[in-house]
Amino acid sequence: MDVVRFRREVPPSLKGAVLAIGNFDGVHRGHQAVLAEAKRIAAVEGLRAGAVLFDPHPREFFEPDKPFFRLTPLPLKLELLEAFGLDQAFVIDFNAELAGLSADDFATDVVGKGLGASHIVVGHDFTYGKGRTGSVEQLAALGRVLGFGVDVVAPVGMGDVVFSSSKIRDHLRQGEVREAAEQLGYWWRVRGQVEKGAGRGKDLGFPTLNLALTPGQGIRHGIYAMRVFHDGRRFGAAGYVGPRPTFGEDRPVLEAYLLDFAGDLYGEEVEVELLAFLRPDQTFTDGPSLAAQMGKDVEAARVVLGRIEADDKMRRFPLGKALALDCQETGC
C-alpha cells in the first residue's frame, strides 16, 4: 500500500483514485463498510482504492492537554488499512491551517485539486470544514461541479446499536472486550516495546513482560486473558492492566505472563490482544497471597484461551482473519 503524507499535491500516479475519507480510529466494522464500498467502486471502474485520514486525531488537536483514548495509533491504523486490501492511503496533517478551511475550500483545494479524487465514499455522519459545517449533501453538490462522485454509506450495527469508535472505547473502559471486538471485527490490541520491570513477577514465580500504556488508554483495570504476538509467533498469556496497588504504584501498565514460555523479550516490540476480562484489580496483603491468586488467574486464562483457540469468533471477519496466526503453519 502506498502511503503519502499529503502536502496539497500528490504524485500524478496516485490521483484519480476512489477514496474513503474519515478518521478511522479503530477501523471498526462501520469503517470497513465505507472502505469496502470504496473498493467495490474502484473495482468496477478499474481504479485504485484508498483512504484519506487525519493525524493527529482532531480531538487531540483541539484538546491537546486532555488525554485521548486512541484505539489505533497511526502505524497500526495503516497496517489495518493495508490488511483490508487498500492500494493507497493519504495522511493529512490536522493543523491550524486545515482546521481553518471552510467546507467549500476543503472540498475544492484538498479533495478536488489536491487529491484529485475521482470518487469519494464517506459515512452517514461525515462532516468537514471549519466548525464541521460541511454536510454530505454539500459535498455531493460540490463534487458535481468539481468532477468527483460522492457515495454515502448507511450506519452499520447490530440491533439498535450503531458501531462507533466512542462505543468501543466505552466497552473497553468497562472491560467488555468481547463486545468491543464484535464492533471492531478483531480483538483489540496494544502495541509497544517491552520495558525492564522491577522483577516482582519473577520473584513470585510468574515473570511478566511489561508495556507502558499511553496517556488516555482508559482500559478497565484488572486481570485479562491475552495473546501476545512477537516475531511471527503467538503466545497465550494471563495479564494485568492497572497501577499495581499492592506495591503502592500509580502509573498504569500492562503486564503479561506468557504461558509455556521461557526467556525474555526485553527491548522487543510486541502486540497484546485482550480476549476476556477475568476479574477486577485488587490489593493483596503480601506476596504469597498475590502469587496464589495469580496461579488461579493463569488457570482461568488457560480455559478462555482454549475455548477461543478452538473457535475464534473473530476469524469470521476480514480483519480478524487477517490478523490471526495459523499455528499449524507458523509453529506458534
Protein backbone atom coordinates (compact mmCIF):
# COMPACT_ATOMS: atom_id res chain seq x y z
CA MET A 1 0.00 0.00 0.00
CA ASP A 2 1.35 3.43 -0.95
CA VAL A 3 1.30 5.89 1.96
CA VAL A 4 1.62 9.62 1.27
CA ARG A 5 1.82 12.48 3.74
CA PHE A 6 -0.45 14.93 1.95
CA ARG A 7 1.09 18.30 1.08
CA ARG A 8 -1.55 19.82 -1.19
CA GLU A 9 -0.22 17.96 -4.23
CA VAL A 10 0.21 14.23 -4.65
CA PRO A 11 2.06 12.22 -7.30
CA PRO A 12 0.06 12.09 -10.56
CA SER A 13 0.14 8.28 -10.45
CA LEU A 14 -1.87 8.34 -7.22
CA LYS A 15 -4.53 10.74 -8.43
CA GLY A 16 -7.87 9.61 -9.79
CA ALA A 17 -8.48 7.05 -7.06
CA VAL A 18 -11.67 6.17 -5.23
CA LEU A 19 -11.11 7.45 -1.70
CA ALA A 20 -12.82 6.78 1.61
CA ILE A 21 -12.47 9.75 3.97
CA GLY A 22 -12.59 9.62 7.76
CA ASN A 23 -10.62 9.40 11.00
CA PHE A 24 -10.99 5.59 11.03
CA ASP A 25 -9.94 5.26 14.67
CA GLY A 26 -10.21 1.53 15.27
CA VAL A 27 -11.01 0.72 11.62
CA HIS A 28 -14.15 -0.89 13.02
CA ARG A 29 -16.88 -2.67 11.07
CA GLY A 30 -18.68 0.59 10.31
CA HIS A 31 -15.44 2.00 8.87
CA GLN A 32 -14.90 -1.24 6.99
CA ALA A 33 -18.27 -0.83 5.26
CA VAL A 34 -17.10 2.57 3.97
CA LEU A 35 -13.76 1.11 2.86
CA ALA A 36 -15.46 -1.87 1.23
CA GLU A 37 -17.69 0.43 -0.82
CA ALA A 38 -14.63 2.36 -2.00
CA LYS A 39 -13.02 -0.94 -3.03
CA ARG A 40 -16.18 -2.05 -4.82
CA ILE A 41 -16.48 1.16 -6.83
CA ALA A 42 -12.76 1.11 -7.65
CA ALA A 43 -13.01 -2.48 -8.93
CA VAL A 44 -15.95 -1.62 -11.16
CA GLU A 45 -14.21 1.46 -12.56
CA GLY A 46 -10.77 -0.13 -12.84
CA LEU A 47 -9.26 2.40 -10.40
CA ARG A 48 -7.19 2.30 -7.23
CA ALA A 49 -8.92 2.29 -3.84
CA GLY A 50 -7.58 4.33 -0.97
CA ALA A 51 -8.29 6.10 2.30
CA VAL A 52 -7.82 9.67 3.49
CA LEU A 53 -7.19 10.05 7.22
CA PHE A 54 -6.06 12.74 9.60
CA ASP A 55 -3.18 12.83 12.07
CA PRO A 56 -3.26 13.80 14.85
CA HIS A 57 -6.87 12.95 15.56
CA PRO A 58 -8.88 16.23 15.57
CA ARG A 59 -9.75 15.65 19.24
CA GLU A 60 -6.02 15.69 20.07
CA PHE A 61 -5.55 18.92 18.11
CA PHE A 62 -8.42 20.81 19.71
CA GLU A 63 -7.81 19.47 23.24
CA PRO A 64 -4.04 18.87 23.42
CA ASP A 65 -3.95 18.83 27.23
CA LYS A 66 -6.71 16.23 27.55
CA PRO A 67 -5.55 12.61 27.10
CA PHE A 68 -7.38 10.94 24.23
CA PHE A 69 -8.10 7.21 24.06
CA ARG A 70 -6.82 6.29 20.61
CA LEU A 71 -7.94 2.85 19.58
CA THR A 72 -5.36 2.59 16.82
CA PRO A 73 -2.21 4.74 16.67
CA LEU A 74 -1.27 5.73 13.13
CA PRO A 75 1.21 2.88 12.36
CA LEU A 76 -1.32 0.21 13.40
CA LYS A 77 -4.14 2.00 11.59
CA LEU A 78 -2.16 1.99 8.35
CA GLU A 79 -1.41 -1.71 8.76
CA LEU A 80 -5.11 -2.44 9.24
CA LEU A 81 -5.98 -0.45 6.11
CA GLU A 82 -3.39 -2.39 4.15
CA ALA A 83 -4.66 -5.69 5.55
CA PHE A 84 -8.12 -4.69 4.37
CA GLY A 85 -6.76 -4.52 0.84
CA LEU A 86 -6.43 -0.81 0.05
CA ASP A 87 -3.98 0.38 -2.60
CA GLN A 88 -3.07 3.73 -1.06
CA ALA A 89 -3.57 5.98 1.94
CA PHE A 90 -3.20 9.72 2.30
CA VAL A 91 -2.34 11.03 5.77
CA ILE A 92 -3.32 14.68 6.15
CA ASP A 93 -1.75 16.74 8.93
CA PHE A 94 -4.55 18.06 11.08
CA ASN A 95 -3.19 21.51 11.94
CA ALA A 96 -4.43 25.07 12.34
CA GLU A 97 -4.42 25.64 8.58
CA LEU A 98 -6.58 22.62 7.88
CA ALA A 99 -8.90 23.32 10.83
CA GLY A 100 -9.45 26.83 9.47
CA LEU A 101 -10.52 25.79 5.97
CA SER A 102 -14.14 26.36 5.09
CA ALA A 103 -16.16 23.40 3.89
CA ASP A 104 -16.03 24.70 0.31
CA ASP A 105 -12.26 25.23 0.44
CA PHE A 106 -11.66 21.75 1.86
CA ALA A 107 -13.71 20.14 -0.88
CA THR A 108 -12.13 22.27 -3.61
CA ASP A 109 -8.49 22.59 -2.58
CA VAL A 110 -7.94 19.32 -0.72
CA VAL A 111 -10.31 16.77 -2.23
CA GLY A 112 -10.67 18.08 -5.77
CA LYS A 113 -7.40 19.76 -6.68
CA GLY A 114 -5.02 18.26 -4.14
CA LEU A 115 -6.03 14.61 -4.04
CA GLY A 116 -7.55 14.56 -7.50
CA ALA A 117 -10.17 12.09 -6.34
CA SER A 118 -12.46 10.52 -8.92
CA HIS A 119 -14.92 9.39 -6.28
CA ILE A 120 -15.39 9.90 -2.54
CA VAL A 121 -17.02 7.50 -0.07
CA VAL A 122 -17.97 8.67 3.43
CA GLY A 123 -20.05 7.52 6.37
CA HIS A 124 -23.54 8.78 7.09
CA ASP A 125 -22.33 11.13 9.85
CA PHE A 126 -19.38 12.64 7.94
CA THR A 127 -18.82 16.37 8.45
CA TYR A 128 -15.90 18.54 7.38
CA GLY A 129 -14.57 22.09 7.17
CA LYS A 130 -14.22 24.77 9.83
CA GLY A 131 -16.62 24.12 12.66
CA ARG A 132 -17.66 20.84 10.96
CA THR A 133 -20.19 22.81 8.96
CA GLY A 134 -19.90 20.81 5.74
CA SER A 135 -22.54 18.12 5.16
CA VAL A 136 -22.56 15.12 2.84
CA GLU A 137 -25.25 16.83 0.74
CA GLN A 138 -23.00 19.87 0.34
CA LEU A 139 -20.04 17.65 -0.57
CA ALA A 140 -22.09 15.84 -3.21
CA ALA A 141 -23.18 19.16 -4.74
CA LEU A 142 -19.59 20.40 -4.87
CA GLY A 143 -18.47 17.08 -6.31
CA ARG A 144 -20.79 17.50 -9.26
CA VAL A 145 -19.09 20.84 -10.00
CA LEU A 146 -15.53 19.69 -9.28
CA GLY A 147 -15.76 16.36 -11.09
CA PHE A 148 -15.89 13.71 -8.38
CA GLY A 149 -18.73 11.47 -7.29
CA VAL A 150 -19.85 11.04 -3.69
CA ASP A 151 -21.34 7.93 -2.07
CA VAL A 152 -22.67 7.86 1.49
CA VAL A 153 -22.70 4.56 3.42
CA ALA A 154 -25.58 3.90 5.82
CA PRO A 155 -24.97 3.13 9.51
CA VAL A 156 -23.72 -0.35 10.34
CA GLY A 157 -24.63 -2.10 13.57
CA MET A 158 -26.36 -4.93 15.40
CA GLY A 159 -29.94 -4.50 16.52
CA ASP A 160 -30.36 -0.92 17.66
CA VAL A 161 -26.61 -0.39 18.31
CA VAL A 162 -24.69 1.51 15.63
CA PHE A 163 -20.97 0.69 15.57
CA SER A 164 -18.79 3.63 16.58
CA SER A 165 -15.33 4.36 17.96
CA SER A 166 -16.83 6.04 21.03
CA LYS A 167 -18.93 2.97 21.89
CA ILE A 168 -15.87 0.73 21.51
CA ARG A 169 -13.90 2.96 23.89
CA ASP A 170 -16.77 2.73 26.38
CA HIS A 171 -16.76 -1.08 26.14
CA LEU A 172 -13.01 -1.21 26.81
CA ARG A 173 -13.38 1.15 29.77
CA GLN A 174 -15.84 -1.38 31.22
CA GLY A 175 -13.64 -4.40 30.43
CA GLU A 176 -16.14 -5.58 27.82
CA VAL A 177 -13.51 -6.75 25.36
CA ARG A 178 -15.75 -9.23 23.53
CA GLU A 179 -18.34 -6.52 22.87
CA ALA A 180 -15.57 -4.20 21.65
CA ALA A 181 -14.20 -6.93 19.39
CA GLU A 182 -17.62 -7.59 17.85
CA GLN A 183 -17.75 -3.96 16.73
CA LEU A 184 -14.10 -3.89 15.61
CA GLY A 185 -14.20 -7.20 13.79
CA TYR A 186 -10.95 -8.25 15.52
CA TRP A 187 -9.59 -8.47 19.07
CA TRP A 188 -8.45 -5.05 20.26
CA ARG A 189 -4.70 -4.86 20.73
CA VAL A 190 -1.93 -2.76 22.26
CA ARG A 191 1.50 -2.42 20.70
CA GLY A 192 4.67 -1.37 22.46
CA GLN A 193 8.26 -2.07 23.43
CA VAL A 194 8.83 -4.40 26.34
CA GLU A 195 10.28 -2.49 29.28
CA LYS A 196 12.51 -3.69 32.09
CA GLY A 197 10.32 -4.21 35.15
CA ALA A 198 11.08 -4.45 38.86
CA GLY A 199 11.23 -8.26 38.67
CA ARG A 200 8.46 -8.79 41.23
CA GLY A 201 6.59 -11.21 38.96
CA LYS A 202 9.68 -13.35 38.56
CA ASP A 203 10.17 -13.42 42.33
CA LEU A 204 6.58 -14.63 42.69
CA GLY A 205 7.05 -17.36 40.09
CA PHE A 206 5.25 -15.51 37.29
CA PRO A 207 7.74 -13.46 35.22
CA THR A 208 5.92 -10.88 33.11
CA LEU A 209 6.67 -8.64 30.18
CA ASN A 210 5.81 -5.01 30.82
CA LEU A 211 4.40 -2.38 28.48
CA ALA A 212 3.76 1.26 29.29
CA LEU A 213 0.26 2.44 28.40
CA THR A 214 -0.03 5.74 26.57
CA PRO A 215 -1.99 8.54 28.28
CA GLY A 216 -5.69 8.21 27.63
CA GLN A 217 -5.75 4.42 27.16
CA GLY A 218 -8.56 4.03 29.66
CA ILE A 219 -8.81 0.24 29.72
CA ARG A 220 -10.55 -1.20 32.77
CA HIS A 221 -8.03 -2.20 35.40
CA GLY A 222 -7.89 -5.86 36.26
CA ILE A 223 -6.87 -9.31 35.04
CA TYR A 224 -7.33 -10.47 31.44
CA ALA A 225 -6.81 -13.47 29.23
CA MET A 226 -4.48 -12.26 26.48
CA ARG A 227 -2.50 -13.28 23.44
CA VAL A 228 0.95 -11.85 22.78
CA PHE A 229 2.43 -11.60 19.27
CA HIS A 230 6.16 -11.36 18.60
CA ASP A 231 8.24 -12.08 15.53
CA GLY A 232 5.60 -14.18 13.81
CA ARG A 233 4.71 -16.18 16.91
CA ARG A 234 1.71 -16.10 19.22
CA PHE A 235 1.67 -16.87 22.93
CA GLY A 236 -1.25 -17.29 25.29
CA ALA A 237 -0.99 -15.14 28.40
CA ALA A 238 -2.61 -14.11 31.65
CA GLY A 239 -2.19 -10.39 32.06
CA TYR A 240 -2.83 -7.37 34.20
CA VAL A 241 -3.76 -3.78 33.41
CA GLY A 242 -3.50 -1.22 36.19
CA PRO A 243 -1.20 0.66 38.61
CA ARG A 244 -0.16 -2.32 40.79
CA PRO A 245 -1.79 -1.11 44.05
CA THR A 246 -0.25 -3.90 46.13
CA PHE A 247 3.12 -2.22 45.58
CA GLY A 248 1.90 1.36 46.07
CA GLU A 249 2.34 2.49 42.48
CA ASP A 250 0.05 4.75 40.46
CA ARG A 251 1.18 4.59 36.81
CA PRO A 252 -0.99 2.17 34.80
CA VAL A 253 0.94 -0.52 32.96
CA LEU A 254 0.17 -3.70 31.07
CA GLU A 255 1.86 -6.87 32.33
CA ALA A 256 1.58 -10.27 30.65
CA TYR A 257 2.70 -13.67 31.92
CA LEU A 258 3.32 -15.81 28.82
CA LEU A 259 2.12 -19.38 29.25
CA ASP A 260 4.63 -22.13 28.49
CA PHE A 261 7.37 -19.65 27.56
CA ALA A 262 10.97 -19.41 28.71
CA GLY A 263 13.19 -16.41 28.08
CA ASP A 264 12.64 -12.68 27.96
CA LEU A 265 11.64 -10.13 25.36
CA TYR A 266 13.22 -7.01 26.86
CA GLY A 267 13.50 -4.24 24.29
CA GLU A 268 11.42 -6.13 21.72
CA GLU A 269 8.22 -4.83 20.13
CA VAL A 270 5.14 -6.93 20.83
CA GLU A 271 1.40 -6.73 20.31
CA VAL A 272 -1.03 -7.81 23.01
CA GLU A 273 -4.65 -8.79 22.32
CA LEU A 274 -7.21 -8.58 25.11
CA LEU A 275 -9.53 -11.59 24.92
CA ALA A 276 -11.53 -11.63 28.16
CA PHE A 277 -11.79 -9.72 31.43
CA LEU A 278 -11.30 -12.18 34.30
CA ARG A 279 -11.57 -10.14 37.49
CA PRO A 280 -11.20 -6.58 38.84
CA ASP A 281 -7.99 -5.16 40.25
CA GLN A 282 -7.45 -5.65 43.95
CA THR A 283 -4.84 -5.15 46.67
CA PHE A 284 -3.18 -8.08 48.45
CA THR A 285 -1.65 -8.04 51.92
CA ASP A 286 1.52 -9.85 50.89
CA GLY A 287 3.40 -11.54 48.07
CA PRO A 288 2.29 -15.14 48.79
CA SER A 289 -1.38 -14.12 48.70
CA LEU A 290 -0.83 -12.39 45.37
CA ALA A 291 1.08 -15.41 43.98
CA ALA A 292 -1.73 -17.78 44.99
CA GLN A 293 -4.29 -15.65 43.18
CA MET A 294 -2.02 -15.35 40.14
CA GLY A 295 -1.99 -19.13 39.92
CA LYS A 296 -5.78 -19.15 39.79
CA ASP A 297 -5.75 -16.38 37.18
CA VAL A 298 -3.40 -18.38 34.97
CA GLU A 299 -5.72 -21.37 35.05
CA ALA A 300 -8.73 -19.20 34.27
CA ALA A 301 -6.85 -17.69 31.33
CA ARG A 302 -5.99 -21.17 30.01
CA VAL A 303 -9.69 -22.06 29.95
CA VAL A 304 -10.58 -18.93 27.97
CA LEU A 305 -7.64 -19.35 25.58
CA GLY A 306 -8.54 -22.98 24.93
CA ARG A 307 -12.09 -22.03 24.08
CA ILE A 308 -11.00 -19.25 21.70
CA GLU A 309 -8.33 -21.39 20.06
CA ALA A 310 -10.99 -24.00 19.33
CA ASP A 311 -13.44 -21.47 17.87
CA ASP A 312 -12.20 -17.90 17.41
CA LYS A 313 -15.31 -15.94 16.51
CA MET A 314 -13.26 -13.01 15.20
CA ARG A 315 -11.99 -15.12 12.31
CA ARG A 316 -15.35 -14.68 10.61
CA PHE A 317 -14.46 -11.03 9.95
CA PRO A 318 -11.91 -9.89 7.31
CA LEU A 319 -9.53 -8.15 9.72
CA GLY A 320 -9.95 -10.77 12.43
CA LYS A 321 -8.91 -13.41 9.91
CA ALA A 322 -6.06 -11.30 8.53
CA LEU A 323 -4.61 -10.62 12.00
CA ALA A 324 -4.84 -14.22 13.22
CA LEU A 325 -1.86 -16.55 13.06
CA ASP A 326 -2.32 -20.12 11.90
CA CYS A 327 -0.25 -22.05 14.42
CA GLN A 328 -0.19 -25.12 12.21
CA GLU A 329 1.73 -23.05 9.67
CA THR A 330 3.86 -20.87 11.94
CA GLY A 331 4.55 -23.21 14.82
CA CYS A 332 3.17 -20.77 17.39
